[in-house]
């Protein structure tokens, strides 16, 4: 009975993890298409289905090219 309760809690009561692998990508595969951008993101383009392409802001001293 304990095993059943444990499996029930794991499968149904815990929030499912969000898989970012299947999110729609945009802006050279660096951005993601969402309804609204977060505080640390900027709107760089528009996606299909009235979504916004949001790209995470990089601090000035950190460059992805380096």
PDB file of N, CA and C in Angstrom:
ATOM      1  N   UNK A   1       0.818  -1.195   0.000  1.00  0.00           N
ATOM      2  CA  UNK A   1       0.000   0.000   0.000  1.00  0.00           C
ATOM      3  C   UNK A   1       0.868   1.267   0.000  1.00  0.00           C
ATOM      4  N   UNK A   2       2.000   1.212   0.705  1.00  0.00           N
ATOM      5  CA  UNK A   2       2.898   2.363   0.726  1.00  0.00           C
ATOM      6  C   UNK A   2       3.460   2.639  -0.665  1.00  0.00           C
ATOM      7  N   UNK A   3       3.769   1.580  -1.377  1.00  0.00           N
ATOM      8  CA  UNK A   3       4.307   1.748  -2.729  1.00  0.00           C
ATOM      9  C   UNK A   3       3.285   2.426  -3.625  1.00  0.00           C
ATOM     10  N   UNK A   4       2.040   2.027  -3.508  1.00  0.00           N
ATOM     11  CA  UNK A   4       0.984   2.637  -4.308  1.00  0.00           C
ATOM     12  C   UNK A   4       0.845   4.122  -3.992  1.00  0.00           C
ATOM     13  N   UNK A   5       0.837   4.474  -2.717  1.00  0.00           N
ATOM     14  CA  UNK A   5       0.717   5.880  -2.334  1.00  0.00           C
ATOM     15  C   UNK A   5       1.917   6.695  -2.810  1.00  0.00           C
ATOM     16  N   UNK A   6       3.096   6.118  -2.725  1.00  0.00           N
ATOM     17  CA  UNK A   6       4.293   6.815  -3.201  1.00  0.00           C
ATOM     18  C   UNK A   6       4.220   7.051  -4.707  1.00  0.00           C
ATOM     19  N   UNK A   7       3.861   6.029  -5.465  1.00  0.00           N
ATOM     20  CA  UNK A   7       3.755   6.180  -6.919  1.00  0.00           C
ATOM     21  C   UNK A   7       2.651   7.163  -7.293  1.00  0.00           C
ATOM     22  N   UNK A   8       1.552   7.136  -6.576  1.00  0.00           N
ATOM     23  CA  UNK A   8       0.471   8.085  -6.834  1.00  0.00           C
ATOM     24  C   UNK A   8       0.948   9.516  -6.619  1.00  0.00           C
ATOM     25  N   UNK A   9       1.673   9.746  -5.532  1.00  0.00           N
ATOM     26  CA  UNK A   9       2.183  11.094  -5.242  1.00  0.00           C
ATOM     27  C   UNK A   9       3.180  11.538  -6.303  1.00  0.00           C
ATOM     28  N   UNK A  10       4.047  10.656  -6.717  1.00  0.00           N
ATOM     29  CA  UNK A  10       5.066  11.013  -7.708  1.00  0.00           C
ATOM     30  C   UNK A  10       4.431  11.302  -9.059  1.00  0.00           C
ATOM     31  N   UNK A  11       3.497  10.492  -9.473  1.00  0.00           N
ATOM     32  CA  UNK A  11       2.944  10.614 -10.822  1.00  0.00           C
ATOM     33  C   UNK A  11       1.862  11.678 -10.953  1.00  0.00           C
ATOM     34  N   UNK A  12       1.095  11.938  -9.907  1.00  0.00           N
ATOM     35  CA  UNK A  12      -0.063  12.810 -10.063  1.00  0.00           C
ATOM     36  C   UNK A  12      -0.003  14.113  -9.268  1.00  0.00           C
ATOM     37  N   UNK A  13       0.671  14.119  -8.155  1.00  0.00           N
ATOM     38  CA  UNK A  13       0.636  15.302  -7.310  1.00  0.00           C
ATOM     39  C   UNK A  13       1.795  16.257  -7.550  1.00  0.00           C
ATOM     40  N   UNK A  14       2.921  15.762  -7.999  1.00  0.00           N
ATOM     41  CA  UNK A  14       4.059  16.631  -8.261  1.00  0.00           C
ATOM     42  C   UNK A  14       3.871  17.350  -9.589  1.00  0.00           C
ATOM     43  N   UNK A  15       4.316  18.576  -9.642  1.00  0.00           N
ATOM     44  CA  UNK A  15       4.195  19.350 -10.883  1.00  0.00           C
ATOM     45  C   UNK A  15       5.141  18.772 -11.930  1.00  0.00           C
ATOM     46  N   UNK A  16       4.678  18.650 -13.156  1.00  0.00           N
ATOM     47  CA  UNK A  16       5.557  18.111 -14.198  1.00  0.00           C
ATOM     48  C   UNK A  16       6.676  19.090 -14.524  1.00  0.00           C
ATOM     49  N   UNK A  17       7.828  18.547 -14.833  1.00  0.00           N
ATOM     50  CA  UNK A  17       8.973  19.384 -15.206  1.00  0.00           C
ATOM     51  C   UNK A  17       8.766  19.932 -16.608  1.00  0.00           C
ATOM     52  N   UNK A  18       9.217  21.140 -16.827  1.00  0.00           N
ATOM     53  CA  UNK A  18       9.074  21.774 -18.135  1.00  0.00           C
ATOM     54  C   UNK A  18      10.268  21.402 -18.996  1.00  0.00           C
ATOM     55  N   UNK A  19       9.990  20.882 -20.166  1.00  0.00           N
ATOM     56  CA  UNK A  19      11.051  20.473 -21.070  1.00  0.00           C
ATOM     57  C   UNK A  19      11.268  21.572 -22.090  1.00  0.00           C
ATOM     58  N   UNK A  20      12.390  22.251 -22.015  1.00  0.00           N
ATOM     59  CA  UNK A  20      12.679  23.355 -22.922  1.00  0.00           C
ATOM     60  C   UNK A  20      13.150  22.867 -24.285  1.00  0.00           C
ATOM     61  N   UNK A  21      13.382  21.576 -24.430  1.00  0.00           N
ATOM     62  CA  UNK A  21      13.854  21.039 -25.702  1.00  0.00           C
ATOM     63  C   UNK A  21      12.806  21.207 -26.795  1.00  0.00           C
ATOM     64  N   UNK A  22      11.531  21.100 -26.446  1.00  0.00           N
ATOM     65  CA  UNK A  22      10.466  21.152 -27.440  1.00  0.00           C
ATOM     66  C   UNK A  22       9.913  22.555 -27.656  1.00  0.00           C
ATOM     67  N   UNK A  23      10.437  23.564 -26.937  1.00  0.00           N
ATOM     68  CA  UNK A  23       9.998  24.939 -27.158  1.00  0.00           C
ATOM     69  C   UNK A  23      10.410  25.395 -28.551  1.00  0.00           C
ATOM     70  N   UNK A  24       9.596  26.248 -29.132  1.00  0.00           N
ATOM     71  CA  UNK A  24       9.902  26.778 -30.455  1.00  0.00           C
ATOM     72  C   UNK A  24      11.059  27.764 -30.352  1.00  0.00           C
ATOM     73  N   UNK A  25      12.067  27.594 -31.207  1.00  0.00           N
ATOM     74  CA  UNK A  25      13.258  28.439 -31.181  1.00  0.00           C
ATOM     75  C   UNK A  25      13.160  29.503 -32.262  1.00  0.00           C
ATOM     76  N   UNK A  26      13.865  30.615 -32.043  1.00  0.00           N
ATOM     77  CA  UNK A  26      13.882  31.705 -33.005  1.00  0.00           C
ATOM     78  C   UNK A  26      15.203  32.457 -32.882  1.00  0.00           C
ATOM     79  N   UNK A  27      15.420  33.417 -33.728  1.00  0.00           N
ATOM     80  CA  UNK A  27      16.598  34.291 -33.721  1.00  0.00           C
ATOM     81  C   UNK A  27      17.887  33.476 -33.654  1.00  0.00           C
ATOM     82  N   UNK A  28      18.142  32.741 -34.730  1.00  0.00           N
ATOM     83  CA  UNK A  28      19.350  31.907 -34.869  1.00  0.00           C
ATOM     84  C   UNK A  28      19.466  30.867 -33.756  1.00  0.00           C
ATOM     85  N   UNK A  29      18.330  30.327 -33.333  1.00  0.00           N
ATOM     86  CA  UNK A  29      18.217  29.297 -32.295  1.00  0.00           C
ATOM     87  C   UNK A  29      18.687  29.757 -30.919  1.00  0.00           C
ATOM     88  N   UNK A  30      18.842  31.065 -30.709  1.00  0.00           N
ATOM     89  CA  UNK A  30      19.218  31.579 -29.391  1.00  0.00           C
ATOM     90  C   UNK A  30      18.007  32.037 -28.590  1.00  0.00           C
ATOM     91  N   UNK A  31      16.942  32.441 -29.249  1.00  0.00           N
ATOM     92  CA  UNK A  31      15.746  32.928 -28.573  1.00  0.00           C
ATOM     93  C   UNK A  31      14.698  31.839 -28.458  1.00  0.00           C
ATOM     94  N   UNK A  32      13.597  32.189 -27.789  1.00  0.00           N
ATOM     95  CA  UNK A  32      12.486  31.247 -27.658  1.00  0.00           C
ATOM     96  C   UNK A  32      11.179  32.002 -27.840  1.00  0.00           C
ATOM     97  N   UNK A  33      10.197  31.343 -28.409  1.00  0.00           N
ATOM     98  CA  UNK A  33       8.898  31.951 -28.684  1.00  0.00           C
ATOM     99  C   UNK A  33       7.972  31.744 -27.483  1.00  0.00           C
ATOM    100  N   UNK A  34       7.532  32.856 -26.893  1.00  0.00           N
ATOM    101  CA  UNK A  34       6.667  32.810 -25.710  1.00  0.00           C
ATOM    102  C   UNK A  34       5.618  33.911 -25.806  1.00  0.00           C
ATOM    103  N   UNK A  35       4.638  33.864 -24.898  1.00  0.00           N
ATOM    104  CA  UNK A  35       3.603  34.899 -24.865  1.00  0.00           C
ATOM    105  C   UNK A  35       4.147  36.230 -24.378  1.00  0.00           C
ATOM    106  N   UNK A  36       5.009  36.209 -23.371  1.00  0.00           N
ATOM    107  CA  UNK A  36       5.594  37.449 -22.853  1.00  0.00           C
ATOM    108  C   UNK A  36       7.017  37.174 -22.383  1.00  0.00           C
ATOM    109  N   UNK A  37       7.858  38.184 -22.490  1.00  0.00           N
ATOM    110  CA  UNK A  37       9.264  38.049 -22.106  1.00  0.00           C
ATOM    111  C   UNK A  37       9.420  38.229 -20.599  1.00  0.00           C
ATOM    112  N   UNK A  38      10.447  37.611 -20.043  1.00  0.00           N
ATOM    113  CA  UNK A  38      10.764  37.772 -18.623  1.00  0.00           C
ATOM    114  C   UNK A  38      11.520  39.070 -18.400  1.00  0.00           C
ATOM    115  N   UNK A  39      11.822  39.367 -17.125  1.00  0.00           N
ATOM    116  CA  UNK A  39      12.516  40.617 -16.795  1.00  0.00           C
ATOM    117  C   UNK A  39      13.912  40.678 -17.396  1.00  0.00           C
ATOM    118  N   UNK A  40      14.602  39.552 -17.465  1.00  0.00           N
ATOM    119  CA  UNK A  40      15.971  39.544 -17.968  1.00  0.00           C
ATOM    120  C   UNK A  40      16.046  39.206 -19.458  1.00  0.00           C
ATOM    121  N   UNK A  41      14.962  39.394 -20.185  1.00  0.00           N
ATOM    122  CA  UNK A  41      14.919  39.101 -21.617  1.00  0.00           C
ATOM    123  C   UNK A  41      14.458  40.334 -22.388  1.00  0.00           C
ATOM    124  N   UNK A  42      14.827  40.369 -23.658  1.00  0.00           N
ATOM    125  CA  UNK A  42      14.364  41.451 -24.521  1.00  0.00           C
ATOM    126  C   UNK A  42      13.664  40.870 -25.742  1.00  0.00           C
ATOM    127  N   UNK A  43      12.727  41.620 -26.269  1.00  0.00           N
ATOM    128  CA  UNK A  43      11.986  41.237 -27.465  1.00  0.00           C
ATOM    129  C   UNK A  43      12.844  41.553 -28.682  1.00  0.00           C
ATOM    130  N   UNK A  44      13.185  40.522 -29.475  1.00  0.00           N
ATOM    131  CA  UNK A  44      14.058  40.731 -30.626  1.00  0.00           C
ATOM    132  C   UNK A  44      13.347  40.494 -31.951  1.00  0.00           C
ATOM    133  N   UNK A  45      12.236  39.765 -31.940  1.00  0.00           N
ATOM    134  CA  UNK A  45      11.515  39.476 -33.179  1.00  0.00           C
ATOM    135  C   UNK A  45      10.119  38.977 -32.818  1.00  0.00           C
ATOM    136  N   UNK A  46       9.341  38.687 -33.839  1.00  0.00           N
ATOM    137  CA  UNK A  46       8.015  38.115 -33.644  1.00  0.00           C
ATOM    138  C   UNK A  46       7.978  36.719 -34.243  1.00  0.00           C
ATOM    139  N   UNK A  47       7.291  35.824 -33.567  1.00  0.00           N
ATOM    140  CA  UNK A  47       7.144  34.447 -34.032  1.00  0.00           C
ATOM    141  C   UNK A  47       5.745  34.259 -34.618  1.00  0.00           C
ATOM    142  N   UNK A  48       5.473  33.061 -35.072  1.00  0.00           N
ATOM    143  CA  UNK A  48       4.143  32.734 -35.564  1.00  0.00           C
ATOM    144  C   UNK A  48       3.186  32.631 -34.380  1.00  0.00           C
ATOM    145  N   UNK A  49       1.903  32.645 -34.654  1.00  0.00           N
ATOM    146  CA  UNK A  49       0.833  32.499 -33.655  1.00  0.00           C
ATOM    147  C   UNK A  49       0.859  33.612 -32.612  1.00  0.00           C
ATOM    148  N   UNK A  50       1.208  34.817 -33.003  1.00  0.00           N
ATOM    149  CA  UNK A  50       1.212  35.994 -32.120  1.00  0.00           C
ATOM    150  C   UNK A  50       2.129  35.836 -30.912  1.00  0.00           C
ATOM    151  N   UNK A  51       3.221  35.117 -31.062  1.00  0.00           N
ATOM    152  CA  UNK A  51       4.181  34.951 -29.980  1.00  0.00           C
ATOM    153  C   UNK A  51       5.356  35.896 -30.172  1.00  0.00           C
ATOM    154  N   UNK A  52       6.082  36.149 -29.090  1.00  0.00           N
ATOM    155  CA  UNK A  52       7.237  37.035 -29.126  1.00  0.00           C
ATOM    156  C   UNK A  52       8.510  36.209 -29.032  1.00  0.00           C
ATOM    157  N   UNK A  53       9.526  36.620 -29.763  1.00  0.00           N
ATOM    158  CA  UNK A  53      10.828  35.968 -29.696  1.00  0.00           C
ATOM    159  C   UNK A  53      11.654  36.697 -28.645  1.00  0.00           C
ATOM    160  N   UNK A  54      11.924  36.037 -27.534  1.00  0.00           N
ATOM    161  CA  UNK A  54      12.641  36.656 -26.420  1.00  0.00           C
ATOM    162  C   UNK A  54      14.045  36.080 -26.329  1.00  0.00           C
ATOM    163  N   UNK A  55      15.008  36.972 -26.092  1.00  0.00           N
ATOM    164  CA  UNK A  55      16.413  36.599 -25.998  1.00  0.00           C
ATOM    165  C   UNK A  55      16.937  37.081 -24.652  1.00  0.00           C
ATOM    166  N   UNK A  56      17.646  36.208 -23.936  1.00  0.00           N
ATOM    167  CA  UNK A  56      18.180  36.565 -22.630  1.00  0.00           C
ATOM    168  C   UNK A  56      19.266  37.618 -22.782  1.00  0.00           C
ATOM    169  N   UNK A  57      19.193  38.654 -21.953  1.00  0.00           N
ATOM    170  CA  UNK A  57      20.191  39.719 -21.989  1.00  0.00           C
ATOM    171  C   UNK A  57      21.506  39.223 -21.408  1.00  0.00           C
ATOM    172  N   UNK A  58      22.612  39.590 -22.055  1.00  0.00           N
ATOM    173  CA  UNK A  58      23.943  39.239 -21.582  1.00  0.00           C
ATOM    174  C   UNK A  58      24.579  40.464 -20.935  1.00  0.00           C
ATOM    175  N   UNK A  59      25.231  40.312 -19.789  1.00  0.00           N
ATOM    176  CA  UNK A  59      25.944  41.447 -19.199  1.00  0.00           C
ATOM    177  C   UNK A  59      27.034  41.945 -20.144  1.00  0.00           C
ATOM    178  N   UNK A  60      27.404  43.205 -20.004  1.00  0.00           N
ATOM    179  CA  UNK A  60      28.390  43.816 -20.901  1.00  0.00           C
ATOM    180  C   UNK A  60      29.746  43.132 -20.832  1.00  0.00           C
ATOM    181  N   UNK A  61      30.127  42.641 -19.668  1.00  0.00           N
ATOM    182  CA  UNK A  61      31.453  42.055 -19.527  1.00  0.00           C
ATOM    183  C   UNK A  61      31.500  40.595 -19.957  1.00  0.00           C
ATOM    184  N   UNK A  62      30.360  39.985 -20.258  1.00  0.00           N
ATOM    185  CA  UNK A  62      30.336  38.600 -20.721  1.00  0.00           C
ATOM    186  C   UNK A  62      29.861  38.569 -22.161  1.00  0.00           C
ATOM    187  N   UNK A  63      30.676  38.028 -23.015  1.00  0.00           N
ATOM    188  CA  UNK A  63      30.326  37.929 -24.420  1.00  0.00           C
ATOM    189  C   UNK A  63      30.277  36.463 -24.815  1.00  0.00           C
ATOM    190  N   UNK A  64      29.268  36.076 -25.592  1.00  0.00           N
ATOM    191  CA  UNK A  64      29.167  34.689 -26.043  1.00  0.00           C
ATOM    192  C   UNK A  64      30.236  34.347 -27.067  1.00  0.00           C
ATOM    193  N   UNK A  65      30.792  35.353 -27.735  1.00  0.00           N
ATOM    194  CA  UNK A  65      31.780  35.104 -28.776  1.00  0.00           C
ATOM    195  C   UNK A  65      33.125  34.674 -28.202  1.00  0.00           C
ATOM    196  N   UNK A  66      33.415  35.033 -26.958  1.00  0.00           N
ATOM    197  CA  UNK A  66      34.721  34.699 -26.365  1.00  0.00           C
ATOM    198  C   UNK A  66      34.803  33.255 -25.965  1.00  0.00           C
TER     199      UNK A  66
END
